[in-house]
Amino acid sequence: MKTLLLFVVFTLGLSASPWEANFENAKKIAKEKNQLILLNFSGSDWCIPCIRMHKEIFTDAGFLKMAEQNLVLVNADFPRNKKNQLPVEIKKQNEALADQYNPGGRFPYTVLLNAEGKVVKTWEGLPDETPTQFAATLKQICDANH
């Protein structure tokens, strides 16, 4: 029951935030707005550091404000519970993204990409920074890539 509640809260949090579900659309938006793409690989119903990252960093007001102006956010989620499975097309997209950007299957794993999908920077695991520091690091990289 706790897992279901956590997943519902997590899913509602993602849908209420600026996360783009379609990677091709994210690349198009990034190109139009001259922004970078932050691609996060997570296991929303089993990976504790992933859950913490979304709860502590990706819902932080400062992070969200910075992201709105500089990033297109994409979450490649890999839930394990049957009841939390994603639509087939999203599941296939996430698997293709993992093959390309996360072949080691690390979670959480965050990749900063340009609009063409070229890797700018990666983070393995939960960043060892506060949400404010992480947002500032990302902002600095975004500014350097414009």
Protein backbone atom coordinates (compact mmCIF):
# COMPACT_ATOMS: atom_id res chain seq x y z
CA MET A 1 0.00 0.00 0.00
CA LYS A 2 2.85 2.36 0.88
CA THR A 3 4.48 1.68 -2.51
CA LEU A 4 1.22 2.40 -4.34
CA LEU A 5 0.80 5.67 -2.47
CA LEU A 6 4.41 6.62 -3.15
CA PHE A 7 3.99 5.84 -6.86
CA VAL A 8 0.77 7.85 -7.09
CA VAL A 9 2.41 10.84 -5.39
CA PHE A 10 5.50 10.47 -7.60
CA THR A 11 3.42 10.14 -10.79
CA LEU A 12 1.21 13.09 -9.88
CA GLY A 13 4.32 15.10 -9.07
CA LEU A 14 5.76 14.33 -12.50
CA SER A 15 2.57 15.10 -14.37
CA ALA A 16 2.18 18.42 -12.56
CA SER A 17 5.76 19.38 -13.36
CA PRO A 18 7.45 20.21 -16.65
CA TRP A 19 8.61 16.67 -17.54
CA GLU A 20 8.31 15.82 -21.23
CA ALA A 21 7.21 12.23 -21.93
CA ASN A 22 8.37 12.02 -25.56
CA PHE A 23 12.12 12.22 -26.18
CA GLU A 24 11.82 13.29 -29.83
CA ASN A 25 9.49 16.07 -28.76
CA ALA A 26 11.98 17.05 -26.04
CA LYS A 27 14.72 17.40 -28.68
CA LYS A 28 12.43 19.56 -30.81
CA ILE A 29 11.57 21.82 -27.85
CA ALA A 30 15.24 22.05 -26.84
CA LYS A 31 16.18 23.12 -30.35
CA GLU A 32 13.36 25.72 -30.56
CA LYS A 33 14.14 27.22 -27.15
CA ASN A 34 17.94 26.80 -27.36
CA GLN A 35 17.91 24.66 -24.21
CA LEU A 36 19.64 21.50 -23.01
CA ILE A 37 17.87 18.24 -22.15
CA LEU A 38 18.16 16.71 -18.69
CA LEU A 39 17.47 12.98 -19.05
CA ASN A 40 17.04 11.11 -15.76
CA PHE A 41 16.96 7.31 -15.53
CA SER A 42 14.97 6.15 -12.53
CA GLY A 43 13.18 3.25 -10.92
CA SER A 44 10.23 5.08 -9.41
CA ASP A 45 8.89 2.20 -7.35
CA TRP A 46 12.05 0.38 -6.24
CA CYS A 47 15.13 2.64 -6.36
CA ILE A 48 15.40 4.59 -3.09
CA PRO A 49 18.07 7.05 -4.37
CA CYS A 50 15.86 7.67 -7.45
CA ILE A 51 12.84 8.39 -5.29
CA ARG A 52 14.95 10.71 -3.11
CA MET A 53 16.33 12.51 -6.16
CA HIS A 54 12.85 13.25 -7.48
CA LYS A 55 11.53 14.21 -4.05
CA GLU A 56 14.48 16.30 -2.86
CA ILE A 57 15.94 17.79 -6.06
CA PHE A 58 13.45 17.64 -8.92
CA THR A 59 10.57 19.12 -6.90
CA ASP A 60 12.72 21.88 -5.37
CA ALA A 61 11.33 25.31 -6.31
CA GLY A 62 14.77 26.70 -7.18
CA PHE A 63 15.56 23.72 -9.39
CA LEU A 64 12.19 23.94 -11.14
CA LYS A 65 12.59 27.67 -11.78
CA MET A 66 16.07 27.16 -13.26
CA ALA A 67 14.87 24.16 -15.30
CA GLU A 68 11.90 26.06 -16.73
CA GLN A 69 14.26 28.65 -18.20
CA ASN A 70 17.14 26.39 -19.27
CA LEU A 71 16.16 22.72 -19.62
CA VAL A 72 13.77 20.26 -21.14
CA LEU A 73 13.26 17.52 -18.53
CA VAL A 74 12.81 13.87 -19.54
CA ASN A 75 12.40 10.95 -17.12
CA ALA A 76 13.17 7.46 -18.40
CA ASP A 77 11.45 5.42 -15.71
CA PHE A 78 11.78 1.68 -15.18
CA PRO A 79 9.15 0.66 -12.59
CA ARG A 80 9.15 -2.99 -11.53
CA ASN A 81 5.69 -3.43 -10.01
CA LYS A 82 3.10 -4.72 -12.46
CA LYS A 83 0.57 -2.08 -11.40
CA ASN A 84 3.05 0.73 -12.17
CA GLN A 85 3.94 -0.34 -15.70
CA LEU A 86 4.16 2.38 -18.33
CA PRO A 87 2.39 2.43 -21.70
CA VAL A 88 4.15 0.19 -24.25
CA GLU A 89 5.38 3.07 -26.43
CA ILE A 90 6.96 4.87 -23.43
CA LYS A 91 8.50 1.60 -22.21
CA LYS A 92 10.06 1.00 -25.66
CA GLN A 93 11.32 4.59 -25.80
CA ASN A 94 12.88 4.30 -22.33
CA GLU A 95 14.58 1.02 -23.27
CA ALA A 96 16.02 2.64 -26.41
CA LEU A 97 17.22 5.62 -24.35
CA ALA A 98 18.85 3.24 -21.86
CA ASP A 99 20.59 1.34 -24.68
CA GLN A 100 21.99 4.61 -26.01
CA TYR A 101 22.72 6.63 -22.86
CA ASN A 102 22.74 4.17 -19.92
CA PRO A 103 23.98 0.78 -21.18
CA GLY A 104 25.37 0.00 -17.71
CA GLY A 105 21.87 0.15 -16.22
CA ARG A 106 22.77 2.60 -13.44
CA PHE A 107 20.05 4.15 -11.26
CA PRO A 108 19.66 6.99 -10.76
CA TYR A 109 21.66 8.14 -13.74
CA THR A 110 21.31 11.64 -15.12
CA VAL A 111 22.51 12.79 -18.51
CA LEU A 112 22.67 16.37 -19.77
CA LEU A 113 22.29 16.48 -23.55
CA ASN A 114 22.27 19.11 -26.25
CA ALA A 115 19.29 19.40 -28.63
CA GLU A 116 20.89 16.89 -31.01
CA GLY A 117 21.21 14.30 -28.23
CA LYS A 118 24.97 14.64 -27.71
CA VAL A 119 26.11 14.06 -24.10
CA VAL A 120 27.32 17.22 -22.34
CA LYS A 121 27.68 15.79 -18.79
CA THR A 122 26.58 12.79 -16.71
CA TRP A 123 25.87 12.17 -13.02
CA GLU A 124 25.87 8.69 -11.55
CA GLY A 125 23.74 8.18 -8.46
CA LEU A 126 22.16 10.80 -6.25
CA PRO A 127 24.19 14.03 -6.65
CA ASP A 128 26.32 14.90 -3.64
CA GLU A 129 24.98 18.47 -3.69
CA THR A 130 22.02 20.34 -2.28
CA PRO A 131 19.19 21.06 -4.74
CA THR A 132 20.42 24.68 -4.91
CA GLN A 133 23.99 23.61 -5.69
CA PHE A 134 22.82 21.07 -8.29
CA ALA A 135 20.64 23.71 -9.97
CA ALA A 136 23.55 26.16 -9.94
CA THR A 137 25.87 23.57 -11.52
CA LEU A 138 23.31 22.89 -14.25
CA LYS A 139 22.74 26.62 -14.83
CA GLN A 140 26.48 27.17 -15.22
CA ILE A 141 26.70 24.38 -17.81
CA CYS A 142 23.62 25.70 -19.64
CA ASP A 143 25.09 29.21 -19.77
CA ALA A 144 28.38 27.85 -21.14
CA ASN A 145 26.52 25.95 -23.87
CA HIS A 146 24.44 28.82 -25.26
